[in-house]
Amino acid sequence: MANRILIVDDAAFMRMMIRDILTKNGYEVCGEANDGAQAIEKFKEVRPDLITMDITMPEMDGIAALKEIKKIDASAKVIMCSAMGQQAMVIDAIQAGAKDFIVKPFQADRVIEAIKKTLG
């Protein structure tokens, strides 16, 4: 069975880019959300194998959403994506439970590598 992935990003074109990379590599996109609050609801609904999560979003940022998702399911696998490769944010994300961190603009092979590594 294909691994099911939830894409979370406030930019529709980024979600489209990630969806394209994932589907071309045999992954199933089981849902999309455009902010952290929506991500939490979607996570409860679809229970994905993995989540790609943007950090900087309106309503609720990715790190806050990551913390909430980890409360719901401590084994949830989340890869953070952000244009801001700021060290502090990377550290916050990892401490909050992110499995990996991808900096935008990203290469397709880097996305797939992070996903394969995270899903084992």
PDB file of N, CA and C in Angstrom:
ATOM      1  N   MET A   1       0.844  -1.198   0.000  1.00  0.00           N
ATOM      2  CA  MET A   1       0.000   0.000   0.000  1.00  0.00           C
ATOM      3  C   MET A   1       0.881   1.252   0.000  1.00  0.00           C
ATOM      4  N   ALA A   2       0.507   2.226  -0.759  1.00  0.00           N
ATOM      5  CA  ALA A   2       1.275   3.474  -0.836  1.00  0.00           C
ATOM      6  C   ALA A   2       1.205   4.212   0.496  1.00  0.00           C
ATOM      7  N   ASN A   3       2.304   4.852   0.870  1.00  0.00           N
ATOM      8  CA  ASN A   3       2.295   5.660   2.079  1.00  0.00           C
ATOM      9  C   ASN A   3       1.419   6.882   1.852  1.00  0.00           C
ATOM     10  N   ARG A   4       0.598   7.191   2.860  1.00  0.00           N
ATOM     11  CA  ARG A   4      -0.356   8.288   2.766  1.00  0.00           C
ATOM     12  C   ARG A   4       0.236   9.526   3.425  1.00  0.00           C
ATOM     13  N   ILE A   5       0.247  10.620   2.669  1.00  0.00           N
ATOM     14  CA  ILE A   5       0.889  11.840   3.147  1.00  0.00           C
ATOM     15  C   ILE A   5      -0.074  13.020   3.136  1.00  0.00           C
ATOM     16  N   LEU A   6      -0.023  13.798   4.232  1.00  0.00           N
ATOM     17  CA  LEU A   6      -0.813  15.026   4.365  1.00  0.00           C
ATOM     18  C   LEU A   6       0.128  16.201   4.096  1.00  0.00           C
ATOM     19  N   ILE A   7      -0.270  17.090   3.201  1.00  0.00           N
ATOM     20  CA  ILE A   7       0.549  18.260   2.848  1.00  0.00           C
ATOM     21  C   ILE A   7      -0.049  19.499   3.513  1.00  0.00           C
ATOM     22  N   VAL A   8       0.799  20.220   4.268  1.00  0.00           N
ATOM     23  CA  VAL A   8       0.325  21.432   4.944  1.00  0.00           C
ATOM     24  C   VAL A   8       1.202  22.612   4.534  1.00  0.00           C
ATOM     25  N   ASP A   9       0.602  23.574   3.851  1.00  0.00           N
ATOM     26  CA  ASP A   9       1.319  24.778   3.423  1.00  0.00           C
ATOM     27  C   ASP A   9       0.282  25.833   3.085  1.00  0.00           C
ATOM     28  N   ASP A  10       0.549  27.087   3.453  1.00  0.00           N
ATOM     29  CA  ASP A  10      -0.435  28.137   3.158  1.00  0.00           C
ATOM     30  C   ASP A  10      -0.385  28.573   1.699  1.00  0.00           C
ATOM     31  N   ALA A  11       0.653  28.199   0.967  1.00  0.00           N
ATOM     32  CA  ALA A  11       0.765  28.566  -0.450  1.00  0.00           C
ATOM     33  C   ALA A  11       0.288  27.407  -1.329  1.00  0.00           C
ATOM     34  N   ALA A  12      -0.764  27.654  -2.100  1.00  0.00           N
ATOM     35  CA  ALA A  12      -1.334  26.609  -2.952  1.00  0.00           C
ATOM     36  C   ALA A  12      -0.308  26.058  -3.939  1.00  0.00           C
ATOM     37  N   PHE A  13       0.565  26.928  -4.490  1.00  0.00           N
ATOM     38  CA  PHE A  13       1.536  26.431  -5.476  1.00  0.00           C
ATOM     39  C   PHE A  13       2.569  25.515  -4.821  1.00  0.00           C
ATOM     40  N   MET A  14       2.878  25.743  -3.529  1.00  0.00           N
ATOM     41  CA  MET A  14       3.819  24.854  -2.819  1.00  0.00           C
ATOM     42  C   MET A  14       3.160  23.493  -2.600  1.00  0.00           C
ATOM     43  N   ARG A  15       1.876  23.505  -2.219  1.00  0.00           N
ATOM     44  CA  ARG A  15       1.163  22.229  -2.037  1.00  0.00           C
ATOM     45  C   ARG A  15       1.138  21.465  -3.352  1.00  0.00           C
ATOM     46  N   MET A  16       0.907  22.198  -4.441  1.00  0.00           N
ATOM     47  CA  MET A  16       0.855  21.575  -5.761  1.00  0.00           C
ATOM     48  C   MET A  16       2.219  20.973  -6.123  1.00  0.00           C
ATOM     49  N   MET A  17       3.295  21.716  -5.854  1.00  0.00           N
ATOM     50  CA  MET A  17       4.643  21.221  -6.138  1.00  0.00           C
ATOM     51  C   MET A  17       4.946  19.952  -5.346  1.00  0.00           C
ATOM     52  N   ILE A  18       4.637  19.978  -4.060  1.00  0.00           N
ATOM     53  CA  ILE A  18       4.905  18.811  -3.210  1.00  0.00           C
ATOM     54  C   ILE A  18       4.047  17.627  -3.658  1.00  0.00           C
ATOM     55  N   ARG A  19       2.738  17.902  -3.947  1.00  0.00           N
ATOM     56  CA  ARG A  19       1.842  16.837  -4.408  1.00  0.00           C
ATOM     57  C   ARG A  19       2.412  16.171  -5.655  1.00  0.00           C
ATOM     58  N   ASP A  20       2.908  17.000  -6.572  1.00  0.00           N
ATOM     59  CA  ASP A  20       3.486  16.515  -7.822  1.00  0.00           C
ATOM     60  C   ASP A  20       4.692  15.604  -7.554  1.00  0.00           C
ATOM     61  N   ILE A  21       5.590  16.039  -6.695  1.00  0.00           N
ATOM     62  CA  ILE A  21       6.783  15.249  -6.347  1.00  0.00           C
ATOM     63  C   ILE A  21       6.363  13.914  -5.730  1.00  0.00           C
ATOM     64  N   LEU A  22       5.410  13.969  -4.816  1.00  0.00           N
ATOM     65  CA  LEU A  22       4.979  12.763  -4.107  1.00  0.00           C
ATOM     66  C   LEU A  22       4.297  11.756  -5.026  1.00  0.00           C
ATOM     67  N   THR A  23       3.338  12.241  -5.827  1.00  0.00           N
ATOM     68  CA  THR A  23       2.595  11.312  -6.684  1.00  0.00           C
ATOM     69  C   THR A  23       3.505  10.688  -7.746  1.00  0.00           C
ATOM     70  N   LYS A  24       4.454  11.460  -8.259  1.00  0.00           N
ATOM     71  CA  LYS A  24       5.400  10.921  -9.247  1.00  0.00           C
ATOM     72  C   LYS A  24       6.286   9.834  -8.648  1.00  0.00           C
ATOM     73  N   ASN A  25       6.424   9.847  -7.320  1.00  0.00           N
ATOM     74  CA  ASN A  25       7.277   8.869  -6.646  1.00  0.00           C
ATOM     75  C   ASN A  25       6.472   7.789  -5.919  1.00  0.00           C
ATOM     76  N   GLY A  26       5.201   7.671  -6.282  1.00  0.00           N
ATOM     77  CA  GLY A  26       4.383   6.574  -5.779  1.00  0.00           C
ATOM     78  C   GLY A  26       3.742   6.763  -4.417  1.00  0.00           C
ATOM     79  N   TYR A  27       3.741   7.990  -3.901  1.00  0.00           N
ATOM     80  CA  TYR A  27       3.090   8.242  -2.618  1.00  0.00           C
ATOM     81  C   TYR A  27       1.662   8.713  -2.855  1.00  0.00           C
ATOM     82  N   GLU A  28       0.808   8.471  -1.885  1.00  0.00           N
ATOM     83  CA  GLU A  28      -0.587   8.906  -1.983  1.00  0.00           C
ATOM     84  C   GLU A  28      -0.785  10.150  -1.118  1.00  0.00           C
ATOM     85  N   VAL A  29      -1.289  11.224  -1.737  1.00  0.00           N
ATOM     86  CA  VAL A  29      -1.602  12.433  -0.971  1.00  0.00           C
ATOM     87  C   VAL A  29      -3.023  12.261  -0.454  1.00  0.00           C
ATOM     88  N   CYS A  30      -3.152  12.109   0.870  1.00  0.00           N
ATOM     89  CA  CYS A  30      -4.472  11.807   1.440  1.00  0.00           C
ATOM     90  C   CYS A  30      -5.179  13.056   1.941  1.00  0.00           C
ATOM     91  N   GLY A  31      -4.520  14.211   1.831  1.00  0.00           N
ATOM     92  CA  GLY A  31      -5.176  15.441   2.239  1.00  0.00           C
ATOM     93  C   GLY A  31      -4.242  16.625   2.172  1.00  0.00           C
ATOM     94  N   GLU A  32      -4.830  17.815   2.221  1.00  0.00           N
ATOM     95  CA  GLU A  32      -4.069  19.056   2.206  1.00  0.00           C
ATOM     96  C   GLU A  32      -4.713  20.026   3.192  1.00  0.00           C
ATOM     97  N   ALA A  33      -3.875  20.886   3.775  1.00  0.00           N
ATOM     98  CA  ALA A  33      -4.377  21.916   4.673  1.00  0.00           C
ATOM     99  C   ALA A  33      -3.555  23.176   4.440  1.00  0.00           C
ATOM    100  N   ASN A  34      -4.171  24.355   4.688  1.00  0.00           N
ATOM    101  CA  ASN A  34      -3.425  25.588   4.437  1.00  0.00           C
ATOM    102  C   ASN A  34      -3.063  26.370   5.694  1.00  0.00           C
ATOM    103  N   ASP A  35      -3.320  25.788   6.868  1.00  0.00           N
ATOM    104  CA  ASP A  35      -2.791  26.377   8.106  1.00  0.00           C
ATOM    105  C   ASP A  35      -2.743  25.303   9.188  1.00  0.00           C
ATOM    106  N   GLY A  36      -2.117  25.649  10.308  1.00  0.00           N
ATOM    107  CA  GLY A  36      -1.907  24.680  11.370  1.00  0.00           C
ATOM    108  C   GLY A  36      -3.181  24.113  11.968  1.00  0.00           C
ATOM    109  N   ALA A  37      -4.183  24.973  12.157  1.00  0.00           N
ATOM    110  CA  ALA A  37      -5.448  24.519  12.753  1.00  0.00           C
ATOM    111  C   ALA A  37      -6.124  23.493  11.842  1.00  0.00           C
ATOM    112  N   GLN A  38      -6.118  23.788  10.537  1.00  0.00           N
ATOM    113  CA  GLN A  38      -6.693  22.869   9.551  1.00  0.00           C
ATOM    114  C   GLN A  38      -5.911  21.559   9.529  1.00  0.00           C
ATOM    115  N   ALA A  39      -4.582  21.663   9.693  1.00  0.00           N
ATOM    116  CA  ALA A  39      -3.703  20.489   9.683  1.00  0.00           C
ATOM    117  C   ALA A  39      -4.096  19.515  10.798  1.00  0.00           C
ATOM    118  N   ILE A  40      -4.393  20.058  11.973  1.00  0.00           N
ATOM    119  CA  ILE A  40      -4.763  19.219  13.120  1.00  0.00           C
ATOM    120  C   ILE A  40      -6.070  18.488  12.831  1.00  0.00           C
ATOM    121  N   GLU A  41      -7.056  19.215  12.285  1.00  0.00           N
ATOM    122  CA  GLU A  41      -8.340  18.596  11.951  1.00  0.00           C
ATOM    123  C   GLU A  41      -8.161  17.501  10.898  1.00  0.00           C
ATOM    124  N   LYS A  42      -7.394  17.815   9.854  1.00  0.00           N
ATOM    125  CA  LYS A  42      -7.142  16.853   8.776  1.00  0.00           C
ATOM    126  C   LYS A  42      -6.425  15.624   9.315  1.00  0.00           C
ATOM    127  N   PHE A  43      -5.455  15.855  10.214  1.00  0.00           N
ATOM    128  CA  PHE A  43      -4.697  14.747  10.787  1.00  0.00           C
ATOM    129  C   PHE A  43      -5.634  13.770  11.507  1.00  0.00           C
ATOM    130  N   LYS A  44      -6.552  14.321  12.315  1.00  0.00           N
ATOM    131  CA  LYS A  44      -7.515  13.483  13.052  1.00  0.00           C
ATOM    132  C   LYS A  44      -8.391  12.694  12.083  1.00  0.00           C
ATOM    133  N   GLU A  45      -8.747  13.346  10.994  1.00  0.00           N
ATOM    134  CA  GLU A  45      -9.658  12.759  10.007  1.00  0.00           C
ATOM    135  C   GLU A  45      -9.001  11.661   9.176  1.00  0.00           C
ATOM    136  N   VAL A  46      -7.799  11.917   8.647  1.00  0.00           N
ATOM    137  CA  VAL A  46      -7.200  10.976   7.685  1.00  0.00           C
ATOM    138  C   VAL A  46      -6.078  10.093   8.237  1.00  0.00           C
ATOM    139  N   ARG A  47      -5.528  10.447   9.412  1.00  0.00           N
ATOM    140  CA  ARG A  47      -4.434   9.679  10.029  1.00  0.00           C
ATOM    141  C   ARG A  47      -3.360   9.283   9.011  1.00  0.00           C
ATOM    142  N   PRO A  48      -2.658  10.264   8.466  1.00  0.00           N
ATOM    143  CA  PRO A  48      -1.641   9.982   7.444  1.00  0.00           C
ATOM    144  C   PRO A  48      -0.416   9.269   8.028  1.00  0.00           C
ATOM    145  N   ASP A  49       0.376   8.658   7.155  1.00  0.00           N
ATOM    146  CA  ASP A  49       1.628   8.022   7.575  1.00  0.00           C
ATOM    147  C   ASP A  49       2.685   9.089   7.840  1.00  0.00           C
ATOM    148  N   LEU A  50       2.527  10.234   7.163  1.00  0.00           N
ATOM    149  CA  LEU A  50       3.516  11.298   7.269  1.00  0.00           C
ATOM    150  C   LEU A  50       2.868  12.638   6.929  1.00  0.00           C
ATOM    151  N   ILE A  51       3.419  13.712   7.504  1.00  0.00           N
ATOM    152  CA  ILE A  51       2.929  15.059   7.214  1.00  0.00           C
ATOM    153  C   ILE A  51       4.103  15.921   6.771  1.00  0.00           C
ATOM    154  N   THR A  52       3.931  16.674   5.666  1.00  0.00           N
ATOM    155  CA  THR A  52       4.902  17.720   5.335  1.00  0.00           C
ATOM    156  C   THR A  52       4.256  19.007   5.828  1.00  0.00           C
ATOM    157  N   MET A  53       4.974  19.750   6.664  1.00  0.00           N
ATOM    158  CA  MET A  53       4.388  20.901   7.350  1.00  0.00           C
ATOM    159  C   MET A  53       5.224  22.157   7.148  1.00  0.00           C
ATOM    160  N   ASP A  54       4.586  23.178   6.599  1.00  0.00           N
ATOM    161  CA  ASP A  54       5.227  24.488   6.482  1.00  0.00           C
ATOM    162  C   ASP A  54       5.310  25.076   7.888  1.00  0.00           C
ATOM    163  N   ILE A  55       6.297  25.931   8.142  1.00  0.00           N
ATOM    164  CA  ILE A  55       6.394  26.547   9.473  1.00  0.00           C
ATOM    165  C   ILE A  55       5.607  27.842   9.537  1.00  0.00           C
ATOM    166  N   THR A  56       5.842  28.732   8.581  1.00  0.00           N
ATOM    167  CA  THR A  56       5.233  30.059   8.639  1.00  0.00           C
ATOM    168  C   THR A  56       3.882  30.063   7.929  1.00  0.00           C
ATOM    169  N   MET A  57       2.799  30.085   8.735  1.00  0.00           N
ATOM    170  CA  MET A  57       1.444  30.077   8.178  1.00  0.00           C
ATOM    171  C   MET A  57       0.553  30.972   9.032  1.00  0.00           C
ATOM    172  N   PRO A  58      -0.542  31.486   8.435  1.00  0.00           N
ATOM    173  CA  PRO A  58      -1.491  32.285   9.226  1.00  0.00           C
ATOM    174  C   PRO A  58      -2.256  31.380  10.199  1.00  0.00           C
ATOM    175  N   GLU A  59      -3.012  31.965  11.083  1.00  0.00           N
ATOM    176  CA  GLU A  59      -3.825  31.251  12.082  1.00  0.00           C
ATOM    177  C   GLU A  59      -2.961  30.548  13.123  1.00  0.00           C
ATOM    178  N   MET A  60      -2.315  29.464  12.698  1.00  0.00           N
ATOM    179  CA  MET A  60      -1.467  28.705  13.609  1.00  0.00           C
ATOM    180  C   MET A  60      -0.246  28.243  12.834  1.00  0.00           C
ATOM    181  N   ASP A  61       0.958  28.496  13.366  1.00  0.00           N
ATOM    182  CA  ASP A  61       2.162  28.108  12.622  1.00  0.00           C
ATOM    183  C   ASP A  61       2.417  26.604  12.728  1.00  0.00           C
ATOM    184  N   GLY A  62       3.353  26.147  11.918  1.00  0.00           N
ATOM    185  CA  GLY A  62       3.636  24.722  11.827  1.00  0.00           C
ATOM    186  C   GLY A  62       4.166  24.107  13.105  1.00  0.00           C
ATOM    187  N   ILE A  63       4.950  24.852  13.861  1.00  0.00           N
ATOM    188  CA  ILE A  63       5.510  24.298  15.100  1.00  0.00           C
ATOM    189  C   ILE A  63       4.414  24.098  16.147  1.00  0.00           C
ATOM    190  N   ALA A  64       3.493  25.056  16.252  1.00  0.00           N
ATOM    191  CA  ALA A  64       2.362  24.916  17.179  1.00  0.00           C
ATOM    192  C   ALA A  64       1.492  23.723  16.762  1.00  0.00           C
ATOM    193  N   ALA A  65       1.247  23.584  15.459  1.00  0.00           N
ATOM    194  CA  ALA A  65       0.441  22.468  14.953  1.00  0.00           C
ATOM    195  C   ALA A  65       1.148  21.142  15.212  1.00  0.00           C
ATOM    196  N   LEU A  66       2.461  21.121  14.998  1.00  0.00           N
ATOM    197  CA  LEU A  66       3.264  19.910  15.247  1.00  0.00           C
ATOM    198  C   LEU A  66       3.101  19.463  16.707  1.00  0.00           C
ATOM    199  N   LYS A  67       3.196  20.403  17.634  1.00  0.00           N
ATOM    200  CA  LYS A  67       3.064  20.080  19.064  1.00  0.00           C
ATOM    201  C   LYS A  67       1.691  19.492  19.370  1.00  0.00           C
ATOM    202  N   GLU A  68       0.645  20.073  18.770  1.00  0.00           N
ATOM    203  CA  GLU A  68      -0.715  19.569  18.991  1.00  0.00           C
ATOM    204  C   GLU A  68      -0.895  18.166  18.411  1.00  0.00           C
ATOM    205  N   ILE A  69      -0.363  17.962  17.206  1.00  0.00           N
ATOM    206  CA  ILE A  69      -0.465  16.650  16.549  1.00  0.00           C
ATOM    207  C   ILE A  69       0.266  15.593  17.374  1.00  0.00           C
ATOM    208  N   LYS A  70       1.406  15.960  17.933  1.00  0.00           N
ATOM    209  CA  LYS A  70       2.185  15.026  18.767  1.00  0.00           C
ATOM    210  C   LYS A  70       1.412  14.659  20.040  1.00  0.00           C
ATOM    211  N   LYS A  71       0.566  15.589  20.537  1.00  0.00           N
ATOM    212  CA  LYS A  71      -0.270  15.291  21.707  1.00  0.00           C
ATOM    213  C   LYS A  71      -1.327  14.252  21.339  1.00  0.00           C
ATOM    214  N   ILE A  72      -1.846  14.343  20.119  1.00  0.00           N
ATOM    215  CA  ILE A  72      -2.875  13.417  19.640  1.00  0.00           C
ATOM    216  C   ILE A  72      -2.247  12.045  19.384  1.00  0.00           C
ATOM    217  N   ASP A  73      -1.077  12.047  18.729  1.00  0.00           N
ATOM    218  CA  ASP A  73      -0.389  10.805  18.377  1.00  0.00           C
ATOM    219  C   ASP A  73       1.118  11.041  18.466  1.00  0.00           C
ATOM    220  N   ALA A  74       1.707  10.538  19.538  1.00  0.00           N
ATOM    221  CA  ALA A  74       3.139  10.754  19.785  1.00  0.00           C
ATOM    222  C   ALA A  74       4.018  10.154  18.693  1.00  0.00           C
ATOM    223  N   SER A  75       3.482   9.179  17.956  1.00  0.00           N
ATOM    224  CA  SER A  75       4.289   8.541  16.905  1.00  0.00           C
ATOM    225  C   SER A  75       4.108   9.197  15.533  1.00  0.00           C
ATOM    226  N   ALA A  76       3.345  10.294  15.467  1.00  0.00           N
ATOM    227  CA  ALA A  76       3.128  10.990  14.189  1.00  0.00           C
ATOM    228  C   ALA A  76       4.470  11.407  13.590  1.00  0.00           C
ATOM    229  N   LYS A  77       4.603  11.213  12.280  1.00  0.00           N
ATOM    230  CA  LYS A  77       5.843  11.564  11.584  1.00  0.00           C
ATOM    231  C   LYS A  77       5.626  12.859  10.801  1.00  0.00           C
ATOM    232  N   VAL A  78       6.414  13.874  11.128  1.00  0.00           N
ATOM    233  CA  VAL A  78       6.263  15.182  10.510  1.00  0.00           C
ATOM    234  C   VAL A  78       7.604  15.672   9.982  1.00  0.00           C
ATOM    235  N   ILE A  79       7.600  16.127   8.732  1.00  0.00           N
ATOM    236  CA  ILE A  79       8.780  16.757   8.143  1.00  0.00           C
ATOM    237  C   ILE A  79       8.428  18.227   7.951  1.00  0.00           C
ATOM    238  N   MET A  80       9.218  19.105   8.525  1.00  0.00           N
ATOM    239  CA  MET A  80       8.966  20.537   8.410  1.00  0.00           C
ATOM    240  C   MET A  80       9.554  21.073   7.102  1.00  0.00           C
ATOM    241  N   CYS A  81       8.838  22.006   6.486  1.00  0.00           N
ATOM    242  CA  CYS A  81       9.303  22.669   5.265  1.00  0.00           C
ATOM    243  C   CYS A  81       9.209  24.164   5.501  1.00  0.00           C
ATOM    244  N   SER A  82      10.275  24.880   5.221  1.00  0.00           N
ATOM    245  CA  SER A  82      10.180  26.326   5.362  1.00  0.00           C
ATOM    246  C   SER A  82      11.224  27.035   4.537  1.00  0.00           C
ATOM    247  N   ALA A  83      10.845  28.200   4.047  1.00  0.00           N
ATOM    248  CA  ALA A  83      11.780  29.029   3.299  1.00  0.00           C
ATOM    249  C   ALA A  83      12.783  29.647   4.263  1.00  0.00           C
ATOM    250  N   MET A  84      12.393  29.685   5.524  1.00  0.00           N
ATOM    251  CA  MET A  84      13.283  30.287   6.494  1.00  0.00           C
ATOM    252  C   MET A  84      14.129  29.214   7.139  1.00  0.00           C
ATOM    253  N   GLY A  85      15.341  29.066   6.645  1.00  0.00           N
ATOM    254  CA  GLY A  85      16.227  28.058   7.194  1.00  0.00           C
ATOM    255  C   GLY A  85      16.931  28.592   8.421  1.00  0.00           C
ATOM    256  N   GLN A  86      16.204  29.303   9.252  1.00  0.00           N
ATOM    257  CA  GLN A  86      16.808  29.875  10.448  1.00  0.00           C
ATOM    258  C   GLN A  86      17.069  28.777  11.464  1.00  0.00           C
ATOM    259  N   GLN A  87      18.282  28.793  11.991  1.00  0.00           N
ATOM    260  CA  GLN A  87      18.714  27.775  12.924  1.00  0.00           C
ATOM    261  C   GLN A  87      17.744  27.580  14.087  1.00  0.00           C
ATOM    262  N   ALA A  88      17.279  28.670  14.669  1.00  0.00           N
ATOM    263  CA  ALA A  88      16.385  28.582  15.834  1.00  0.00           C
ATOM    264  C   ALA A  88      15.103  27.839  15.500  1.00  0.00           C
ATOM    265  N   MET A  89      14.540  28.104  14.321  1.00  0.00           N
ATOM    266  CA  MET A  89      13.304  27.439  13.917  1.00  0.00           C
ATOM    267  C   MET A  89      13.526  25.952  13.690  1.00  0.00           C
ATOM    268  N   VAL A  90      14.665  25.618  13.096  1.00  0.00           N
ATOM    269  CA  VAL A  90      14.996  24.214  12.855  1.00  0.00           C
ATOM    270  C   VAL A  90      15.073  23.498  14.202  1.00  0.00           C
ATOM    271  N   ILE A  91      15.773  24.106  15.137  1.00  0.00           N
ATOM    272  CA  ILE A  91      15.936  23.515  16.468  1.00  0.00           C
ATOM    273  C   ILE A  91      14.585  23.379  17.163  1.00  0.00           C
ATOM    274  N   ASP A  92      13.746  24.432  17.106  1.00  0.00           N
ATOM    275  CA  ASP A  92      12.402  24.375  17.696  1.00  0.00           C
ATOM    276  C   ASP A  92      11.600  23.210  17.106  1.00  0.00           C
ATOM    277  N   ALA A  93      11.654  23.093  15.784  1.00  0.00           N
ATOM    278  CA  ALA A  93      10.891  22.048  15.093  1.00  0.00           C
ATOM    279  C   ALA A  93      11.362  20.655  15.514  1.00  0.00           C
ATOM    280  N   ILE A  94      12.661  20.448  15.566  1.00  0.00           N
ATOM    281  CA  ILE A  94      13.207  19.147  15.951  1.00  0.00           C
ATOM    282  C   ILE A  94      12.862  18.839  17.414  1.00  0.00           C
ATOM    283  N   GLN A  95      13.000  19.839  18.280  1.00  0.00           N
ATOM    284  CA  GLN A  95      12.663  19.641  19.695  1.00  0.00           C
ATOM    285  C   GLN A  95      11.176  19.329  19.874  1.00  0.00           C
ATOM    286  N   ALA A  96      10.352  19.897  19.018  1.00  0.00           N
ATOM    287  CA  ALA A  96       8.904  19.659  19.096  1.00  0.00           C
ATOM    288  C   ALA A  96       8.529  18.285  18.535  1.00  0.00           C
ATOM    289  N   GLY A  97       9.495  17.624  17.887  1.00  0.00           N
ATOM    290  CA  GLY A  97       9.230  16.266  17.406  1.00  0.00           C
ATOM    291  C   GLY A  97       9.294  16.061  15.914  1.00  0.00           C
ATOM    292  N   ALA A  98       9.708  17.076  15.154  1.00  0.00           N
ATOM    293  CA  ALA A  98       9.836  16.900  13.697  1.00  0.00           C
ATOM    294  C   ALA A  98      10.935  15.887  13.411  1.00  0.00           C
ATOM    295  N   LYS A  99      10.731  15.079  12.379  1.00  0.00           N
ATOM    296  CA  LYS A  99      11.695  14.042  12.017  1.00  0.00           C
ATOM    297  C   LYS A  99      12.789  14.572  11.103  1.00  0.00           C
ATOM    298  N   ASP A 100      12.470  15.622  10.344  1.00  0.00           N
ATOM    299  CA  ASP A 100      13.433  16.165   9.396  1.00  0.00           C
ATOM    300  C   ASP A 100      13.003  17.581   9.042  1.00  0.00           C
ATOM    301  N   PHE A 101      13.841  18.259   8.278  1.00  0.00           N
ATOM    302  CA  PHE A 101      13.602  19.646   7.930  1.00  0.00           C
ATOM    303  C   PHE A 101      14.055  19.880   6.499  1.00  0.00           C
ATOM    304  N   ILE A 102      13.182  20.388   5.674  1.00  0.00           N
ATOM    305  CA  ILE A 102      13.514  20.675   4.277  1.00  0.00           C
ATOM    306  C   ILE A 102      13.410  22.178   4.071  1.00  0.00           C
ATOM    307  N   VAL A 103      14.442  22.762   3.471  1.00  0.00           N
ATOM    308  CA  VAL A 103      14.438  24.204   3.220  1.00  0.00           C
ATOM    309  C   VAL A 103      13.961  24.471   1.799  1.00  0.00           C
ATOM    310  N   LYS A 104      13.024  25.417   1.662  1.00  0.00           N
ATOM    311  CA  LYS A 104      12.526  25.824   0.342  1.00  0.00           C
ATOM    312  C   LYS A 104      13.499  26.835  -0.264  1.00  0.00           C
ATOM    313  N   PRO A 105      13.642  26.933  -1.552  1.00  0.00           N
ATOM    314  CA  PRO A 105      13.048  26.029  -2.552  1.00  0.00           C
ATOM    315  C   PRO A 105      13.780  24.691  -2.518  1.00  0.00           C
ATOM    316  N   PHE A 106      13.031  23.605  -2.479  1.00  0.00           N
ATOM    317  CA  PHE A 106      13.695  22.320  -2.340  1.00  0.00           C
ATOM    318  C   PHE A 106      13.771  21.544  -3.637  1.00  0.00           C
ATOM    319  N   GLN A 107      14.714  20.610  -3.647  1.00  0.00           N
ATOM    320  CA  GLN A 107      14.896  19.710  -4.785  1.00  0.00           C
ATOM    321  C   GLN A 107      14.013  18.490  -4.534  1.00  0.00           C
ATOM    322  N   ALA A 108      13.426  17.954  -5.597  1.00  0.00           N
ATOM    323  CA  ALA A 108      12.555  16.784  -5.471  1.00  0.00           C
ATOM    324  C   ALA A 108      13.268  15.630  -4.773  1.00  0.00           C
ATOM    325  N   ASP A 109      14.544  15.400  -5.133  1.00  0.00           N
ATOM    326  CA  ASP A 109      15.245  14.264  -4.527  1.00  0.00           C
ATOM    327  C   ASP A 109      15.475  14.452  -3.031  1.00  0.00           C
ATOM    328  N   ARG A 110      15.617  15.702  -2.594  1.00  0.00           N
ATOM    329  CA  ARG A 110      15.782  15.968  -1.155  1.00  0.00           C
ATOM    330  C   ARG A 110      14.476  15.668  -0.408  1.00  0.00           C
ATOM    331  N   VAL A 111      13.340  16.002  -1.022  1.00  0.00           N
ATOM    332  CA  VAL A 111      12.038  15.717  -0.428  1.00  0.00           C
ATOM    333  C   VAL A 111      11.857  14.207  -0.286  1.00  0.00           C
ATOM    334  N   ILE A 112      12.119  13.473  -1.358  1.00  0.00           N
ATOM    335  CA  ILE A 112      11.948  12.017  -1.354  1.00  0.00           C
ATOM    336  C   ILE A 112      12.916  11.361  -0.369  1.00  0.00           C
ATOM    337  N   GLU A 113      14.134  11.848  -0.330  1.00  0.00           N
ATOM    338  CA  GLU A 113      15.139  11.306   0.599  1.00  0.00           C
ATOM    339  C   GLU A 113      14.661  11.460   2.048  1.00  0.00           C
ATOM    340  N   ALA A 114      14.143  12.654   2.392  1.00  0.00           N
ATOM    341  CA  ALA A 114      13.650  12.916   3.749  1.00  0.00           C
ATOM    342  C   ALA A 114      12.469  12.006   4.084  1.00  0.00           C
ATOM    343  N   ILE A 115      11.568  11.805   3.120  1.00  0.00           N
ATOM    344  CA  ILE A 115      10.391  10.979   3.334  1.00  0.00           C
ATOM    345  C   ILE A 115      10.791   9.515   3.519  1.00  0.00           C
ATOM    346  N   LYS A 116      11.676   9.029   2.655  1.00  0.00           N
ATOM    347  CA  LYS A 116      12.121   7.615   2.762  1.00  0.00           C
ATOM    348  C   LYS A 116      12.806   7.385   4.109  1.00  0.00           C
ATOM    349  N   LYS A 117      13.647   8.330   4.503  1.00  0.00           N
ATOM    350  CA  LYS A 117      14.372   8.206   5.762  1.00  0.00           C
ATOM    351  C   LYS A 117      13.398   8.188   6.949  1.00  0.00           C
ATOM    352  N   THR A 118      12.402   9.065   6.891  1.00  0.00           N
ATOM    353  CA  THR A 118      11.437   9.188   7.986  1.00  0.00           C
ATOM    354  C   THR A 118      10.509   7.982   8.074  1.00  0.00           C
ATOM    355  N   LEU A 119      10.071   7.487   6.935  1.00  0.00           N
ATOM    356  CA  LEU A 119       9.151   6.348   6.929  1.00  0.00           C
ATOM    357  C   LEU A 119       9.892   5.031   7.149  1.00  0.00           C
ATOM    358  N   GLY A 120      11.202   5.065   6.962  1.00  0.00           N
ATOM    359  CA  GLY A 120      12.019   3.857   7.198  1.00  0.00           C
ATOM    360  C   GLY A 120      11.816   2.857   6.106  1.00  0.00           C
TER     361      GLY A 120
END
